[in-house]
Every structure is written in C-alpha cells, then in structure tokens.
Amino acid sequence: MGRGSGTTQQGVKKPRAIHVAGDGSGVSSFGGGTSSSETSPNVCLFSLDLRIKYVAGNDPRATRGDTVTLARVSGDEVGIFVGNRRFSSYTGKQKDRLLECMAKGYVYSGQVQSVGANTLRAIVKGGVLSHETPPAA
C-alpha cells in the first residue's frame, strides 16, 4: 500500500498539465508553456476546432473519424482535406500562423468529429513531421 497525502517526502515535484485557453475562435495551445512569444518553439503547437460549412443537401462524403489535414495549396492558401480530397479552404484568424508554422515543418491533422446537415466539425492539432526540432527562425 502506498502512503497517503500525509507523506513526509520533501522536494517531490508533480508534473503539471498546461492548457492555454483559445482566443474564442476555437484555438487551443499546448506543448508546455503559457507564453506564445514568437521565439518559442511551442508557438506552432496548437489545435483548431474547425466548423466547416457546406451547401445543405450536398453529400459531404465525410464521416466521423475521417482524417482531416490542413496543407498549403498555393502561395497563401491553406486547403482543408478530408480523406485525401480537398473539402474547403481555411480563412480563419490563424491562417498566417499556420502558413509560418507549415514553412517550419509543422503539420496539422486530426479527425472529423461530427457531420451535420450543413456543417462538418473537425479538431486538428499541430505537430512536427520529423523527430527533429524545426530550425529557429
């Protein structure tokens, strides 16, 4: 049996989970810090809660669990791909941040959470493609 909260051990540090609240547009940061300064390597570690509208009555050909990927498709355009098919374009507040981070080697992918009558909801998280740390800007 382990010891309860009355233990006499000193200097024990428990890891803390840090969550930085988004800016109201469905953005959450993660990765170990509360600072989102431009010099922080964690500035590119964030998630997006996407709500993608499509014409009602059109079959989006997407189901819950399908893979969603964000990718640069031209100079400053970010495409939203669902199951390897281009579904839409991302034009939200984080577009410039996404483009900068993609240029550093970060990728953004996730899964479809739900498909409604005219809205598809997906959560996409950022991560590094390789196991190496991206070069400093």
C-alpha atoms as a PDB file:
ATOM      1  CA  MET A   1       0.000   0.000   0.000  1.00  0.00           C
ATOM      2  CA  GLY A   2       1.216   3.484  -0.820  1.00  0.00           C
ATOM      3  CA  ARG A   3       1.396   6.392   1.530  1.00  0.00           C
ATOM      4  CA  GLY A   4      -1.425   8.908   1.681  1.00  0.00           C
ATOM      5  CA  SER A   5      -1.291  12.671   1.440  1.00  0.00           C
ATOM      6  CA  GLY A   6       0.373  12.807   4.834  1.00  0.00           C
ATOM      7  CA  THR A   7       3.688  11.588   3.427  1.00  0.00           C
ATOM      8  CA  THR A   8       6.857  13.164   4.767  1.00  0.00           C
ATOM      9  CA  GLN A   9       8.687  13.169   1.430  1.00  0.00           C
ATOM     10  CA  GLN A  10      10.109  16.548   0.507  1.00  0.00           C
ATOM     11  CA  GLY A  11      11.178  18.029  -2.824  1.00  0.00           C
ATOM     12  CA  VAL A  12       8.792  15.887  -4.877  1.00  0.00           C
ATOM     13  CA  LYS A  13       7.537  17.740  -7.939  1.00  0.00           C
ATOM     14  CA  LYS A  14       4.450  16.583  -9.772  1.00  0.00           C
ATOM     15  CA  PRO A  15       4.163  17.329 -13.499  1.00  0.00           C
ATOM     16  CA  ARG A  16       1.556  19.929 -14.421  1.00  0.00           C
ATOM     17  CA  ALA A  17      -0.676  19.884 -17.441  1.00  0.00           C
ATOM     18  CA  ILE A  18      -0.845  23.319 -19.002  1.00  0.00           C
ATOM     19  CA  HIS A  19      -3.711  24.449 -21.179  1.00  0.00           C
ATOM     20  CA  VAL A  20      -3.791  27.915 -22.649  1.00  0.00           C
ATOM     21  CA  ALA A  21      -7.318  28.983 -23.489  1.00  0.00           C
ATOM     22  CA  GLY A  22      -8.011  29.848 -27.088  1.00  0.00           C
ATOM     23  CA  ASP A  23      -8.880  33.295 -28.415  1.00  0.00           C
ATOM     24  CA  GLY A  24     -12.555  32.471 -28.845  1.00  0.00           C
ATOM     25  CA  SER A  25     -12.098  31.143 -32.365  1.00  0.00           C
ATOM     26  CA  GLY A  26     -11.628  27.526 -31.386  1.00  0.00           C
ATOM     27  CA  VAL A  27      -7.838  27.675 -30.914  1.00  0.00           C
ATOM     28  CA  SER A  28      -6.055  25.939 -28.044  1.00  0.00           C
ATOM     29  CA  SER A  29      -2.313  25.935 -27.409  1.00  0.00           C
ATOM     30  CA  PHE A  30      -0.442  23.012 -25.947  1.00  0.00           C
ATOM     31  CA  GLY A  31       3.139  21.931 -25.549  1.00  0.00           C
ATOM     32  CA  GLY A  32       4.414  23.117 -22.210  1.00  0.00           C
ATOM     33  CA  GLY A  33       4.173  26.866 -21.816  1.00  0.00           C
ATOM     34  CA  THR A  34       1.862  29.754 -21.291  1.00  0.00           C
ATOM     35  CA  SER A  35       3.900  32.122 -23.427  1.00  0.00           C
ATOM     36  CA  SER A  36       3.148  32.342 -27.114  1.00  0.00           C
ATOM     37  CA  SER A  37       6.077  34.595 -27.951  1.00  0.00           C
ATOM     38  CA  GLU A  38       7.375  34.417 -31.486  1.00  0.00           C
ATOM     39  CA  THR A  39      10.680  32.916 -30.301  1.00  0.00           C
ATOM     40  CA  SER A  40       9.060  29.974 -28.537  1.00  0.00           C
ATOM     41  CA  PRO A  41       9.248  26.690 -30.464  1.00  0.00           C
ATOM     42  CA  ASN A  42       5.836  25.862 -28.977  1.00  0.00           C
ATOM     43  CA  VAL A  43       4.088  28.710 -30.827  1.00  0.00           C
ATOM     44  CA  CYS A  44       3.270  26.172 -33.561  1.00  0.00           C
ATOM     45  CA  LEU A  45       1.820  23.580 -31.203  1.00  0.00           C
ATOM     46  CA  PHE A  46      -1.867  24.403 -31.157  1.00  0.00           C
ATOM     47  CA  SER A  47      -5.165  22.853 -32.136  1.00  0.00           C
ATOM     48  CA  LEU A  48      -8.069  24.187 -34.151  1.00  0.00           C
ATOM     49  CA  ASP A  49     -11.717  23.348 -33.678  1.00  0.00           C
ATOM     50  CA  LEU A  50     -12.946  23.683 -37.286  1.00  0.00           C
ATOM     51  CA  ARG A  51     -16.579  24.163 -38.230  1.00  0.00           C
ATOM     52  CA  ILE A  52     -16.741  23.897 -41.998  1.00  0.00           C
ATOM     53  CA  LYS A  53     -19.972  24.864 -43.727  1.00  0.00           C
ATOM     54  CA  TYR A  54     -21.165  23.294 -46.961  1.00  0.00           C
ATOM     55  CA  VAL A  55     -24.331  23.670 -49.002  1.00  0.00           C
ATOM     56  CA  ALA A  56     -27.264  21.966 -47.298  1.00  0.00           C
ATOM     57  CA  GLY A  57     -28.427  18.908 -49.190  1.00  0.00           C
ATOM     58  CA  ASN A  58     -24.981  18.219 -50.692  1.00  0.00           C
ATOM     59  CA  ASP A  59     -23.403  14.993 -49.583  1.00  0.00           C
ATOM     60  CA  PRO A  60     -20.079  15.954 -47.940  1.00  0.00           C
ATOM     61  CA  ARG A  61     -18.825  12.362 -48.369  1.00  0.00           C
ATOM     62  CA  ALA A  62     -17.274  12.599 -44.943  1.00  0.00           C
ATOM     63  CA  THR A  63     -17.973  10.531 -41.864  1.00  0.00           C
ATOM     64  CA  ARG A  64     -16.976  10.740 -38.228  1.00  0.00           C
ATOM     65  CA  GLY A  65     -13.385   9.578 -37.801  1.00  0.00           C
ATOM     66  CA  ASP A  66     -12.194  10.549 -41.307  1.00  0.00           C
ATOM     67  CA  THR A  67      -8.733  12.107 -41.417  1.00  0.00           C
ATOM     68  CA  VAL A  68      -8.594  15.888 -41.801  1.00  0.00           C
ATOM     69  CA  THR A  69      -5.386  17.597 -42.937  1.00  0.00           C
ATOM     70  CA  LEU A  70      -4.520  21.235 -43.474  1.00  0.00           C
ATOM     71  CA  ALA A  71      -1.982  21.918 -46.231  1.00  0.00           C
ATOM     72  CA  ARG A  72      -0.648  24.867 -48.191  1.00  0.00           C
ATOM     73  CA  VAL A  73      -2.090  24.603 -51.703  1.00  0.00           C
ATOM     74  CA  SER A  74      -0.713  27.817 -53.189  1.00  0.00           C
ATOM     75  CA  GLY A  75       1.186  30.904 -52.074  1.00  0.00           C
ATOM     76  CA  ASP A  76      -1.047  31.919 -49.176  1.00  0.00           C
ATOM     77  CA  GLU A  77      -3.935  29.471 -49.373  1.00  0.00           C
ATOM     78  CA  VAL A  78      -4.495  26.714 -46.818  1.00  0.00           C
ATOM     79  CA  GLY A  79      -6.619  23.822 -48.039  1.00  0.00           C
ATOM     80  CA  ILE A  80      -8.718  21.595 -45.809  1.00  0.00           C
ATOM     81  CA  PHE A  81      -8.530  17.970 -46.957  1.00  0.00           C
ATOM     82  CA  VAL A  82     -10.901  15.277 -45.703  1.00  0.00           C
ATOM     83  CA  GLY A  83      -9.903  11.733 -46.574  1.00  0.00           C
ATOM     84  CA  ASN A  84      -7.347  12.974 -49.183  1.00  0.00           C
ATOM     85  CA  ARG A  85      -9.989  15.071 -51.012  1.00  0.00           C
ATOM     86  CA  ARG A  86      -9.975  18.839 -50.918  1.00  0.00           C
ATOM     87  CA  PHE A  87     -13.044  19.880 -48.991  1.00  0.00           C
ATOM     88  CA  SER A  88     -12.614  23.619 -48.408  1.00  0.00           C
ATOM     89  CA  SER A  89     -10.114  26.396 -47.653  1.00  0.00           C
ATOM     90  CA  TYR A  90      -9.143  27.752 -44.245  1.00  0.00           C
ATOM     91  CA  THR A  91      -9.584  31.525 -43.970  1.00  0.00           C
ATOM     92  CA  GLY A  92      -9.686  31.933 -40.192  1.00  0.00           C
ATOM     93  CA  LYS A  93      -7.707  34.130 -37.804  1.00  0.00           C
ATOM     94  CA  GLN A  94      -4.849  31.615 -37.533  1.00  0.00           C
ATOM     95  CA  LYS A  95      -4.116  31.465 -41.284  1.00  0.00           C
ATOM     96  CA  ASP A  96      -0.843  33.449 -41.160  1.00  0.00           C
ATOM     97  CA  ARG A  97       0.330  31.494 -38.118  1.00  0.00           C
ATOM     98  CA  LEU A  98      -0.474  28.230 -39.908  1.00  0.00           C
ATOM     99  CA  LEU A  99       1.479  29.271 -43.006  1.00  0.00           C
ATOM    100  CA  GLU A 100       4.523  30.293 -40.949  1.00  0.00           C
ATOM    101  CA  CYS A 101       4.487  27.059 -38.949  1.00  0.00           C
ATOM    102  CA  MET A 102       3.972  24.895 -42.053  1.00  0.00           C
ATOM    103  CA  ALA A 103       7.048  26.554 -43.570  1.00  0.00           C
ATOM    104  CA  LYS A 104       8.997  25.423 -40.469  1.00  0.00           C
ATOM    105  CA  GLY A 105       7.930  21.793 -40.950  1.00  0.00           C
ATOM    106  CA  TYR A 106       4.849  21.545 -38.767  1.00  0.00           C
ATOM    107  CA  VAL A 107       1.856  19.553 -39.988  1.00  0.00           C
ATOM    108  CA  TYR A 108      -1.765  19.912 -38.929  1.00  0.00           C
ATOM    109  CA  SER A 109      -4.065  16.914 -38.956  1.00  0.00           C
ATOM    110  CA  GLY A 110      -6.923  15.448 -36.995  1.00  0.00           C
ATOM    111  CA  GLN A 111     -10.298  13.798 -37.365  1.00  0.00           C
ATOM    112  CA  VAL A 112     -13.864  14.628 -38.257  1.00  0.00           C
ATOM    113  CA  GLN A 113     -15.830  14.836 -35.004  1.00  0.00           C
ATOM    114  CA  SER A 114     -19.317  15.161 -36.493  1.00  0.00           C
ATOM    115  CA  VAL A 115     -21.171  15.770 -39.739  1.00  0.00           C
ATOM    116  CA  GLY A 116     -24.380  17.798 -39.558  1.00  0.00           C
ATOM    117  CA  ALA A 117     -26.967  18.965 -42.088  1.00  0.00           C
ATOM    118  CA  ASN A 118     -24.662  21.708 -43.401  1.00  0.00           C
ATOM    119  CA  THR A 119     -21.644  21.778 -41.060  1.00  0.00           C
ATOM    120  CA  LEU A 120     -18.712  19.432 -40.621  1.00  0.00           C
ATOM    121  CA  ARG A 121     -16.798  19.715 -37.328  1.00  0.00           C
ATOM    122  CA  ALA A 122     -13.185  18.610 -37.014  1.00  0.00           C
ATOM    123  CA  ILE A 123     -10.382  19.029 -34.499  1.00  0.00           C
ATOM    124  CA  VAL A 124      -6.909  19.468 -35.977  1.00  0.00           C
ATOM    125  CA  LYS A 125      -3.646  19.531 -33.980  1.00  0.00           C
ATOM    126  CA  GLY A 126      -0.184  20.688 -34.947  1.00  0.00           C
ATOM    127  CA  GLY A 127       2.937  18.614 -34.669  1.00  0.00           C
ATOM    128  CA  VAL A 128       6.369  18.143 -36.194  1.00  0.00           C
ATOM    129  CA  LEU A 129       6.699  15.873 -39.219  1.00  0.00           C
ATOM    130  CA  SER A 130      10.103  14.525 -38.182  1.00  0.00           C
ATOM    131  CA  HIS A 131      11.589  13.850 -34.757  1.00  0.00           C
ATOM    132  CA  GLU A 132      13.931  16.793 -35.157  1.00  0.00           C
ATOM    133  CA  THR A 133      13.233  20.234 -33.759  1.00  0.00           C
ATOM    134  CA  PRO A 134      12.464  22.701 -36.555  1.00  0.00           C
ATOM    135  CA  PRO A 135      15.197  25.285 -37.180  1.00  0.00           C
ATOM    136  CA  ALA A 136      14.887  28.584 -35.352  1.00  0.00           C
ATOM    137  CA  ALA A 137      13.520  31.421 -37.460  1.00  0.00           C
END
